[in-house]
Amino acid sequence: EAASSGDFSIDGVAGTAARVQLDFINP
């Protein structure tokens, strides 16, 4: 299953979670 726990945080969301990298190809 996709991991939910991790040490990465984003502004606007409380706490930390697993990091998701998004690469937009020829956007």
mmCIF file of all heavy atoms, coordinates in Angstrom:
data_MODEL
# 
_entry.id   MODEL 
# 
loop_
_atom_site.group_PDB 
_atom_site.id 
_atom_site.type_symbol 
_atom_site.label_atom_id 
_atom_site.label_alt_id 
_atom_site.label_comp_id 
_atom_site.label_asym_id 
_atom_site.label_entity_id 
_atom_site.label_seq_id 
_atom_site.pdbx_PDB_ins_code 
_atom_site.Cartn_x 
_atom_site.Cartn_y 
_atom_site.Cartn_z 
_atom_site.occupancy 
_atom_site.B_iso_or_equiv 
_atom_site.pdbx_formal_charge 
_atom_site.auth_seq_id 
_atom_site.auth_comp_id 
_atom_site.auth_asym_id 
_atom_site.auth_atom_id 
_atom_site.pdbx_PDB_model_num 
ATOM 1   N N   . GLU A 1 1  ? 0.834  -1.192 0.000   1.00 0.00 ? 1  GLU A N   1 
ATOM 2   C CA  . GLU A 1 1  ? 0.000  0.000  0.000   1.00 0.00 ? 1  GLU A CA  1 
ATOM 3   C C   . GLU A 1 1  ? 0.873  1.249  0.000   1.00 0.00 ? 1  GLU A C   1 
ATOM 4   O O   . GLU A 1 1  ? 2.027  1.214  0.440   1.00 0.00 ? 1  GLU A O   1 
ATOM 5   C CB  . GLU A 1 1  ? -0.922 0.027  1.221   1.00 0.00 ? 1  GLU A CB  1 
ATOM 6   C CG  . GLU A 1 1  ? -1.930 -1.105 1.267   1.00 0.00 ? 1  GLU A CG  1 
ATOM 7   C CD  . GLU A 1 1  ? -2.856 -0.980 2.454   1.00 0.00 ? 1  GLU A CD  1 
ATOM 8   O OE1 . GLU A 1 1  ? -2.573 -0.171 3.363   1.00 0.00 ? 1  GLU A OE1 1 
ATOM 9   O OE2 . GLU A 1 1  ? -3.886 -1.687 2.478   1.00 0.00 ? 1  GLU A OE2 1 
ATOM 10  N N   . ALA A 1 2  ? 0.314  2.354  -0.498  1.00 0.00 ? 2  ALA A N   1 
ATOM 11  C CA  . ALA A 1 2  ? 1.057  3.613  -0.483  1.00 0.00 ? 2  ALA A CA  1 
ATOM 12  C C   . ALA A 1 2  ? 1.339  4.027  0.952   1.00 0.00 ? 2  ALA A C   1 
ATOM 13  O O   . ALA A 1 2  ? 0.450  3.981  1.810   1.00 0.00 ? 2  ALA A O   1 
ATOM 14  C CB  . ALA A 1 2  ? 0.249  4.696  -1.186  1.00 0.00 ? 2  ALA A CB  1 
ATOM 15  N N   . ALA A 1 3  ? 2.570  4.406  1.212   1.00 0.00 ? 3  ALA A N   1 
ATOM 16  C CA  . ALA A 1 3  ? 2.947  4.822  2.572   1.00 0.00 ? 3  ALA A CA  1 
ATOM 17  C C   . ALA A 1 3  ? 2.281  6.150  2.910   1.00 0.00 ? 3  ALA A C   1 
ATOM 18  O O   . ALA A 1 3  ? 2.120  7.026  2.046   1.00 0.00 ? 3  ALA A O   1 
ATOM 19  C CB  . ALA A 1 3  ? 4.457  4.946  2.679   1.00 0.00 ? 3  ALA A CB  1 
ATOM 20  N N   . SER A 1 4  ? 1.877  6.288  4.155   1.00 0.00 ? 4  SER A N   1 
ATOM 21  C CA  . SER A 1 4  ? 1.301  7.561  4.602   1.00 0.00 ? 4  SER A CA  1 
ATOM 22  C C   . SER A 1 4  ? 2.236  8.290  5.556   1.00 0.00 ? 4  SER A C   1 
ATOM 23  O O   . SER A 1 4  ? 2.300  9.519  5.561   1.00 0.00 ? 4  SER A O   1 
ATOM 24  C CB  . SER A 1 4  ? -0.048 7.329  5.287   1.00 0.00 ? 4  SER A CB  1 
ATOM 25  O OG  . SER A 1 4  ? 0.101  6.467  6.411   1.00 0.00 ? 4  SER A OG  1 
ATOM 26  N N   . SER A 1 5  ? 2.985  7.544  6.360   1.00 0.00 ? 5  SER A N   1 
ATOM 27  C CA  . SER A 1 5  ? 3.881  8.159  7.344   1.00 0.00 ? 5  SER A CA  1 
ATOM 28  C C   . SER A 1 5  ? 5.229  8.505  6.718   1.00 0.00 ? 5  SER A C   1 
ATOM 29  O O   . SER A 1 5  ? 5.715  7.797  5.833   1.00 0.00 ? 5  SER A O   1 
ATOM 30  C CB  . SER A 1 5  ? 4.097  7.214  8.530   1.00 0.00 ? 5  SER A CB  1 
ATOM 31  O OG  . SER A 1 5  ? 2.873  6.941  9.172   1.00 0.00 ? 5  SER A OG  1 
ATOM 32  N N   . GLY A 1 6  ? 5.798  9.598  7.189   1.00 0.00 ? 6  GLY A N   1 
ATOM 33  C CA  . GLY A 1 6  ? 7.105  10.019 6.703   1.00 0.00 ? 6  GLY A CA  1 
ATOM 34  C C   . GLY A 1 6  ? 7.529  11.289 7.397   1.00 0.00 ? 6  GLY A C   1 
ATOM 35  O O   . GLY A 1 6  ? 6.843  11.786 8.281   1.00 0.00 ? 6  GLY A O   1 
ATOM 36  N N   . ASP A 1 7  ? 8.676  11.830 6.983   1.00 0.00 ? 7  ASP A N   1 
ATOM 37  C CA  . ASP A 1 7  ? 9.211  13.011 7.648   1.00 0.00 ? 7  ASP A CA  1 
ATOM 38  C C   . ASP A 1 7  ? 9.149  14.256 6.777   1.00 0.00 ? 7  ASP A C   1 
ATOM 39  O O   . ASP A 1 7  ? 9.805  15.254 7.053   1.00 0.00 ? 7  ASP A O   1 
ATOM 40  C CB  . ASP A 1 7  ? 10.657 12.761 8.089   1.00 0.00 ? 7  ASP A CB  1 
ATOM 41  C CG  . ASP A 1 7  ? 11.566 12.385 6.918   1.00 0.00 ? 7  ASP A CG  1 
ATOM 42  O OD1 . ASP A 1 7  ? 11.090 12.402 5.758   1.00 0.00 ? 7  ASP A OD1 1 
ATOM 43  O OD2 . ASP A 1 7  ? 12.745 12.069 7.168   1.00 0.00 ? 7  ASP A OD2 1 
ATOM 44  N N   . PHE A 1 8  ? 8.340  14.206 5.721   1.00 0.00 ? 8  PHE A N   1 
ATOM 45  C CA  . PHE A 1 8  ? 8.247  15.340 4.797   1.00 0.00 ? 8  PHE A CA  1 
ATOM 46  C C   . PHE A 1 8  ? 6.998  16.157 5.119   1.00 0.00 ? 8  PHE A C   1 
ATOM 47  O O   . PHE A 1 8  ? 5.935  15.597 5.393   1.00 0.00 ? 8  PHE A O   1 
ATOM 48  C CB  . PHE A 1 8  ? 8.185  14.848 3.350   1.00 0.00 ? 8  PHE A CB  1 
ATOM 49  C CG  . PHE A 1 8  ? 8.278  15.952 2.327   1.00 0.00 ? 8  PHE A CG  1 
ATOM 50  C CD1 . PHE A 1 8  ? 9.470  16.614 2.117   1.00 0.00 ? 8  PHE A CD1 1 
ATOM 51  C CD2 . PHE A 1 8  ? 7.172  16.316 1.580   1.00 0.00 ? 8  PHE A CD2 1 
ATOM 52  C CE1 . PHE A 1 8  ? 9.570  17.628 1.171   1.00 0.00 ? 8  PHE A CE1 1 
ATOM 53  C CE2 . PHE A 1 8  ? 7.255  17.324 0.624   1.00 0.00 ? 8  PHE A CE2 1 
ATOM 54  C CZ  . PHE A 1 8  ? 8.455  17.982 0.421   1.00 0.00 ? 8  PHE A CZ  1 
ATOM 55  N N   . SER A 1 9  ? 7.127  17.467 5.095   1.00 0.00 ? 9  SER A N   1 
ATOM 56  C CA  . SER A 1 9  ? 5.984  18.322 5.393   1.00 0.00 ? 9  SER A CA  1 
ATOM 57  C C   . SER A 1 9  ? 5.798  19.358 4.298   1.00 0.00 ? 9  SER A C   1 
ATOM 58  O O   . SER A 1 9  ? 6.754  19.725 3.595   1.00 0.00 ? 9  SER A O   1 
ATOM 59  C CB  . SER A 1 9  ? 6.165  19.024 6.740   1.00 0.00 ? 9  SER A CB  1 
ATOM 60  O OG  . SER A 1 9  ? 7.271  19.914 6.691   1.00 0.00 ? 9  SER A OG  1 
ATOM 61  N N   . ILE A 1 10 ? 4.561  19.803 4.132   1.00 0.00 ? 10 ILE A N   1 
ATOM 62  C CA  . ILE A 1 10 ? 4.262  20.880 3.196   1.00 0.00 ? 10 ILE A CA  1 
ATOM 63  C C   . ILE A 1 10 ? 3.469  21.948 3.939   1.00 0.00 ? 10 ILE A C   1 
ATOM 64  O O   . ILE A 1 10 ? 2.674  21.640 4.830   1.00 0.00 ? 10 ILE A O   1 
ATOM 65  C CB  . ILE A 1 10 ? 3.476  20.391 1.955   1.00 0.00 ? 10 ILE A CB  1 
ATOM 66  C CG1 . ILE A 1 10 ? 2.146  19.752 2.365   1.00 0.00 ? 10 ILE A CG1 1 
ATOM 67  C CG2 . ILE A 1 10 ? 4.307  19.421 1.145   1.00 0.00 ? 10 ILE A CG2 1 
ATOM 68  C CD1 . ILE A 1 10 ? 1.266  19.377 1.177   1.00 0.00 ? 10 ILE A CD1 1 
ATOM 69  N N   . ASP A 1 11 ? 3.712  23.201 3.597   1.00 0.00 ? 11 ASP A N   1 
ATOM 70  C CA  . ASP A 1 11 ? 2.985  24.286 4.241   1.00 0.00 ? 11 ASP A CA  1 
ATOM 71  C C   . ASP A 1 11 ? 1.508  24.207 3.880   1.00 0.00 ? 11 ASP A C   1 
ATOM 72  O O   . ASP A 1 11 ? 1.137  23.963 2.734   1.00 0.00 ? 11 ASP A O   1 
ATOM 73  C CB  . ASP A 1 11 ? 3.557  25.640 3.806   1.00 0.00 ? 11 ASP A CB  1 
ATOM 74  C CG  . ASP A 1 11 ? 4.933  25.893 4.405   1.00 0.00 ? 11 ASP A CG  1 
ATOM 75  O OD1 . ASP A 1 11 ? 5.150  25.494 5.558   1.00 0.00 ? 11 ASP A OD1 1 
ATOM 76  O OD2 . ASP A 1 11 ? 5.775  26.491 3.712   1.00 0.00 ? 11 ASP A OD2 1 
ATOM 77  N N   . GLY A 1 12 ? 0.679  24.422 4.886   1.00 0.00 ? 12 GLY A N   1 
ATOM 78  C CA  . GLY A 1 12 ? -0.765 24.346 4.695   1.00 0.00 ? 12 GLY A CA  1 
ATOM 79  C C   . GLY A 1 12 ? -1.372 23.053 5.198   1.00 0.00 ? 12 GLY A C   1 
ATOM 80  O O   . GLY A 1 12 ? -2.590 22.932 5.310   1.00 0.00 ? 12 GLY A O   1 
ATOM 81  N N   . VAL A 1 13 ? -0.529 22.043 5.503   1.00 0.00 ? 13 VAL A N   1 
ATOM 82  C CA  . VAL A 1 13 ? -1.001 20.756 6.022   1.00 0.00 ? 13 VAL A CA  1 
ATOM 83  C C   . VAL A 1 13 ? -0.250 20.459 7.315   1.00 0.00 ? 13 VAL A C   1 
ATOM 84  O O   . VAL A 1 13 ? 0.990  20.478 7.343   1.00 0.00 ? 13 VAL A O   1 
ATOM 85  C CB  . VAL A 1 13 ? -0.766 19.611 5.007   1.00 0.00 ? 13 VAL A CB  1 
ATOM 86  C CG1 . VAL A 1 13 ? -1.231 18.278 5.590   1.00 0.00 ? 13 VAL A CG1 1 
ATOM 87  C CG2 . VAL A 1 13 ? -1.503 19.895 3.704   1.00 0.00 ? 13 VAL A CG2 1 
ATOM 88  N N   . ALA A 1 14 ? -0.989 20.167 8.370   1.00 0.00 ? 14 ALA A N   1 
ATOM 89  C CA  . ALA A 1 14 ? -0.359 19.887 9.662   1.00 0.00 ? 14 ALA A CA  1 
ATOM 90  C C   . ALA A 1 14 ? 0.381  18.552 9.633   1.00 0.00 ? 14 ALA A C   1 
ATOM 91  O O   . ALA A 1 14 ? -0.035 17.607 8.972   1.00 0.00 ? 14 ALA A O   1 
ATOM 92  C CB  . ALA A 1 14 ? -1.426 19.860 10.766  1.00 0.00 ? 14 ALA A CB  1 
ATOM 93  N N   . GLY A 1 15 ? 1.488  18.467 10.356  1.00 0.00 ? 15 GLY A N   1 
ATOM 94  C CA  . GLY A 1 15 ? 2.210  17.206 10.514  1.00 0.00 ? 15 GLY A CA  1 
ATOM 95  C C   . GLY A 1 15 ? 3.079  16.865 9.319   1.00 0.00 ? 15 GLY A C   1 
ATOM 96  O O   . GLY A 1 15 ? 3.287  17.664 8.406   1.00 0.00 ? 15 GLY A O   1 
ATOM 97  N N   . THR A 1 16 ? 3.591  15.638 9.349   1.00 0.00 ? 16 THR A N   1 
ATOM 98  C CA  . THR A 1 16 ? 4.463  15.140 8.278   1.00 0.00 ? 16 THR A CA  1 
ATOM 99  C C   . THR A 1 16 ? 3.867  13.892 7.647   1.00 0.00 ? 16 THR A C   1 
ATOM 100 O O   . THR A 1 16 ? 2.977  13.255 8.208   1.00 0.00 ? 16 THR A O   1 
ATOM 101 C CB  . THR A 1 16 ? 5.862  14.815 8.830   1.00 0.00 ? 16 THR A CB  1 
ATOM 102 O OG1 . THR A 1 16 ? 5.743  13.774 9.815   1.00 0.00 ? 16 THR A OG1 1 
ATOM 103 C CG2 . THR A 1 16 ? 6.506  16.042 9.458   1.00 0.00 ? 16 THR A CG2 1 
ATOM 104 N N   . ALA A 1 17 ? 4.397  13.530 6.483   1.00 0.00 ? 17 ALA A N   1 
ATOM 105 C CA  . ALA A 1 17 ? 3.882  12.364 5.751   1.00 0.00 ? 17 ALA A CA  1 
ATOM 106 C C   . ALA A 1 17 ? 4.943  11.896 4.771   1.00 0.00 ? 17 ALA A C   1 
ATOM 107 O O   . ALA A 1 17 ? 6.038  12.475 4.686   1.00 0.00 ? 17 ALA A O   1 
ATOM 108 C CB  . ALA A 1 17 ? 2.583  12.723 5.027   1.00 0.00 ? 17 ALA A CB  1 
ATOM 109 N N   . ALA A 1 18 ? 4.617  10.839 4.027   1.00 0.00 ? 18 ALA A N   1 
ATOM 110 C CA  . ALA A 1 18 ? 5.530  10.336 3.008   1.00 0.00 ? 18 ALA A CA  1 
ATOM 111 C C   . ALA A 1 18 ? 5.581  11.314 1.836   1.00 0.00 ? 18 ALA A C   1 
ATOM 112 O O   . ALA A 1 18 ? 4.565  11.888 1.443   1.00 0.00 ? 18 ALA A O   1 
ATOM 113 C CB  . ALA A 1 18 ? 5.067  8.962  2.529   1.00 0.00 ? 18 ALA A CB  1 
ATOM 114 N N   . ARG A 1 19 ? 6.770  11.495 1.289   1.00 0.00 ? 19 ARG A N   1 
ATOM 115 C CA  . ARG A 1 19 ? 6.943  12.450 0.187   1.00 0.00 ? 19 ARG A CA  1 
ATOM 116 C C   . ARG A 1 19 ? 6.503  11.835 -1.143  1.00 0.00 ? 19 ARG A C   1 
ATOM 117 O O   . ARG A 1 19 ? 6.818  10.684 -1.449  1.00 0.00 ? 19 ARG A O   1 
ATOM 118 C CB  . ARG A 1 19 ? 8.406  12.878 0.090   1.00 0.00 ? 19 ARG A CB  1 
ATOM 119 C CG  . ARG A 1 19 ? 8.632  14.017 -0.888  1.00 0.00 ? 19 ARG A CG  1 
ATOM 120 C CD  . ARG A 1 19 ? 10.077 14.460 -0.908  1.00 0.00 ? 19 ARG A CD  1 
ATOM 121 N NE  . ARG A 1 19 ? 10.930 13.501 -1.609  1.00 0.00 ? 19 ARG A NE  1 
ATOM 122 C CZ  . ARG A 1 19 ? 12.198 13.740 -1.925  1.00 0.00 ? 19 ARG A CZ  1 
ATOM 123 N NH1 . ARG A 1 19 ? 12.753 14.888 -1.570  1.00 0.00 ? 19 ARG A NH1 1 
ATOM 124 N NH2 . ARG A 1 19 ? 12.910 12.829 -2.556  1.00 0.00 ? 19 ARG A NH2 1 
ATOM 125 N N   . VAL A 1 20 ? 5.794  12.630 -1.921  1.00 0.00 ? 20 VAL A N   1 
ATOM 126 C CA  . VAL A 1 20 ? 5.381  12.242 -3.269  1.00 0.00 ? 20 VAL A CA  1 
ATOM 127 C C   . VAL A 1 20 ? 6.054  13.190 -4.246  1.00 0.00 ? 20 VAL A C   1 
ATOM 128 O O   . VAL A 1 20 ? 5.872  14.409 -4.168  1.00 0.00 ? 20 VAL A O   1 
ATOM 129 C CB  . VAL A 1 20 ? 3.849  12.311 -3.448  1.00 0.00 ? 20 VAL A CB  1 
ATOM 130 C CG1 . VAL A 1 20 ? 3.462  11.921 -4.872  1.00 0.00 ? 20 VAL A CG1 1 
ATOM 131 C CG2 . VAL A 1 20 ? 3.142  11.422 -2.430  1.00 0.00 ? 20 VAL A CG2 1 
ATOM 132 N N   . GLN A 1 21 ? 6.859  12.637 -5.161  1.00 0.00 ? 21 GLN A N   1 
ATOM 133 C CA  . GLN A 1 21 ? 7.500  13.464 -6.185  1.00 0.00 ? 21 GLN A CA  1 
ATOM 134 C C   . GLN A 1 21 ? 6.655  13.422 -7.450  1.00 0.00 ? 21 GLN A C   1 
ATOM 135 O O   . GLN A 1 21 ? 6.305  12.351 -7.945  1.00 0.00 ? 21 GLN A O   1 
ATOM 136 C CB  . GLN A 1 21 ? 8.912  12.967 -6.487  1.00 0.00 ? 21 GLN A CB  1 
ATOM 137 C CG  . GLN A 1 21 ? 9.601  13.763 -7.602  1.00 0.00 ? 21 GLN A CG  1 
ATOM 138 C CD  . GLN A 1 21 ? 11.050 13.364 -7.808  1.00 0.00 ? 21 GLN A CD  1 
ATOM 139 O OE1 . GLN A 1 21 ? 11.730 12.970 -6.861  1.00 0.00 ? 21 GLN A OE1 1 
ATOM 140 N NE2 . GLN A 1 21 ? 11.536 13.482 -9.038  1.00 0.00 ? 21 GLN A NE2 1 
ATOM 141 N N   . LEU A 1 22 ? 6.348  14.608 -7.988  1.00 0.00 ? 22 LEU A N   1 
ATOM 142 C CA  . LEU A 1 22 ? 5.552  14.712 -9.207  1.00 0.00 ? 22 LEU A CA  1 
ATOM 143 C C   . LEU A 1 22 ? 6.387  15.372 -10.290 1.00 0.00 ? 22 LEU A C   1 
ATOM 144 O O   . LEU A 1 22 ? 6.839  16.512 -10.136 1.00 0.00 ? 22 LEU A O   1 
ATOM 145 C CB  . LEU A 1 22 ? 4.290  15.534 -8.953  1.00 0.00 ? 22 LEU A CB  1 
ATOM 146 C CG  . LEU A 1 22 ? 3.303  14.973 -7.928  1.00 0.00 ? 22 LEU A CG  1 
ATOM 147 C CD1 . LEU A 1 22 ? 2.216  15.995 -7.621  1.00 0.00 ? 22 LEU A CD1 1 
ATOM 148 C CD2 . LEU A 1 22 ? 2.686  13.668 -8.420  1.00 0.00 ? 22 LEU A CD2 1 
ATOM 149 N N   . ASP A 1 23 ? 6.590  14.645 -11.376 1.00 0.00 ? 23 ASP A N   1 
ATOM 150 C CA  . ASP A 1 23 ? 7.317  15.172 -12.529 1.00 0.00 ? 23 ASP A CA  1 
ATOM 151 C C   . ASP A 1 23 ? 6.327  15.343 -13.678 1.00 0.00 ? 23 ASP A C   1 
ATOM 152 O O   . ASP A 1 23 ? 5.802  14.356 -14.209 1.00 0.00 ? 23 ASP A O   1 
ATOM 153 C CB  . ASP A 1 23 ? 8.434  14.216 -12.941 1.00 0.00 ? 23 ASP A CB  1 
ATOM 154 C CG  . ASP A 1 23 ? 9.498  14.073 -11.861 1.00 0.00 ? 23 ASP A CG  1 
ATOM 155 O OD1 . ASP A 1 23 ? 10.042 15.091 -11.434 1.00 0.00 ? 23 ASP A OD1 1 
ATOM 156 O OD2 . ASP A 1 23 ? 9.761  12.924 -11.440 1.00 0.00 ? 23 ASP A OD2 1 
ATOM 157 N N   . PHE A 1 24 ? 6.080  16.601 -14.032 1.00 0.00 ? 24 PHE A N   1 
ATOM 158 C CA  . PHE A 1 24 ? 5.164  16.917 -15.129 1.00 0.00 ? 24 PHE A CA  1 
ATOM 159 C C   . PHE A 1 24 ? 5.969  16.941 -16.425 1.00 0.00 ? 24 PHE A C   1 
ATOM 160 O O   . PHE A 1 24 ? 6.861  17.773 -16.592 1.00 0.00 ? 24 PHE A O   1 
ATOM 161 C CB  . PHE A 1 24 ? 4.497  18.268 -14.886 1.00 0.00 ? 24 PHE A CB  1 
ATOM 162 C CG  . PHE A 1 24 ? 3.537  18.277 -13.716 1.00 0.00 ? 24 PHE A CG  1 
ATOM 163 C CD1 . PHE A 1 24 ? 4.015  18.244 -12.411 1.00 0.00 ? 24 PHE A CD1 1 
ATOM 164 C CD2 . PHE A 1 24 ? 2.176  18.308 -13.924 1.00 0.00 ? 24 PHE A CD2 1 
ATOM 165 C CE1 . PHE A 1 24 ? 3.144  18.256 -11.327 1.00 0.00 ? 24 PHE A CE1 1 
ATOM 166 C CE2 . PHE A 1 24 ? 1.288  18.315 -12.852 1.00 0.00 ? 24 PHE A CE2 1 
ATOM 167 C CZ  . PHE A 1 24 ? 1.778  18.282 -11.558 1.00 0.00 ? 24 PHE A CZ  1 
ATOM 168 N N   . ILE A 1 25 ? 5.645  16.040 -17.334 1.00 0.00 ? 25 ILE A N   1 
ATOM 169 C CA  . ILE A 1 25 ? 6.422  15.883 -18.566 1.00 0.00 ? 25 ILE A CA  1 
ATOM 170 C C   . ILE A 1 25 ? 5.845  16.785 -19.662 1.00 0.00 ? 25 ILE A C   1 
ATOM 171 O O   . ILE A 1 25 ? 4.644  16.733 -19.954 1.00 0.00 ? 25 ILE A O   1 
ATOM 172 C CB  . ILE A 1 25 ? 6.408  14.414 -19.025 1.00 0.00 ? 25 ILE A CB  1 
ATOM 173 C CG1 . ILE A 1 25 ? 6.786  13.477 -17.861 1.00 0.00 ? 25 ILE A CG1 1 
ATOM 174 C CG2 . ILE A 1 25 ? 7.350  14.221 -20.210 1.00 0.00 ? 25 ILE A CG2 1 
ATOM 175 C CD1 . ILE A 1 25 ? 8.119  13.771 -17.219 1.00 0.00 ? 25 ILE A CD1 1 
ATOM 176 N N   . ASN A 1 26 ? 6.712  17.609 -20.266 1.00 0.00 ? 26 ASN A N   1 
ATOM 177 C CA  . ASN A 1 26 ? 6.284  18.543 -21.320 1.00 0.00 ? 26 ASN A CA  1 
ATOM 178 C C   . ASN A 1 26 ? 4.971  19.226 -20.954 1.00 0.00 ? 26 ASN A C   1 
ATOM 179 O O   . ASN A 1 26 ? 3.958  19.107 -21.657 1.00 0.00 ? 26 ASN A O   1 
ATOM 180 C CB  . ASN A 1 26 ? 6.136  17.797 -22.657 1.00 0.00 ? 26 ASN A CB  1 
ATOM 181 C CG  . ASN A 1 26 ? 7.430  17.193 -23.136 1.00 0.00 ? 26 ASN A CG  1 
ATOM 182 O OD1 . ASN A 1 26 ? 8.497  17.798 -23.004 1.00 0.00 ? 26 ASN A OD1 1 
ATOM 183 N ND2 . ASN A 1 26 ? 7.359  15.989 -23.684 1.00 0.00 ? 26 ASN A ND2 1 
ATOM 184 N N   . PRO A 1 27 ? 4.955  19.970 -19.848 1.00 0.00 ? 27 PRO A N   1 
ATOM 185 C CA  . PRO A 1 27 ? 3.688  20.500 -19.337 1.00 0.00 ? 27 PRO A CA  1 
ATOM 186 C C   . PRO A 1 27 ? 3.140  21.713 -20.081 1.00 0.00 ? 27 PRO A C   1 
ATOM 187 O O   . PRO A 1 27 ? 1.992  22.107 -19.851 1.00 0.00 ? 27 PRO A O   1 
ATOM 188 C CB  . PRO A 1 27 ? 4.047  20.886 -17.898 1.00 0.00 ? 27 PRO A CB  1 
ATOM 189 C CG  . PRO A 1 27 ? 5.493  21.251 -17.971 1.00 0.00 ? 27 PRO A CG  1 
ATOM 190 C CD  . PRO A 1 27 ? 6.093  20.310 -18.974 1.00 0.00 ? 27 PRO A CD  1 
# 
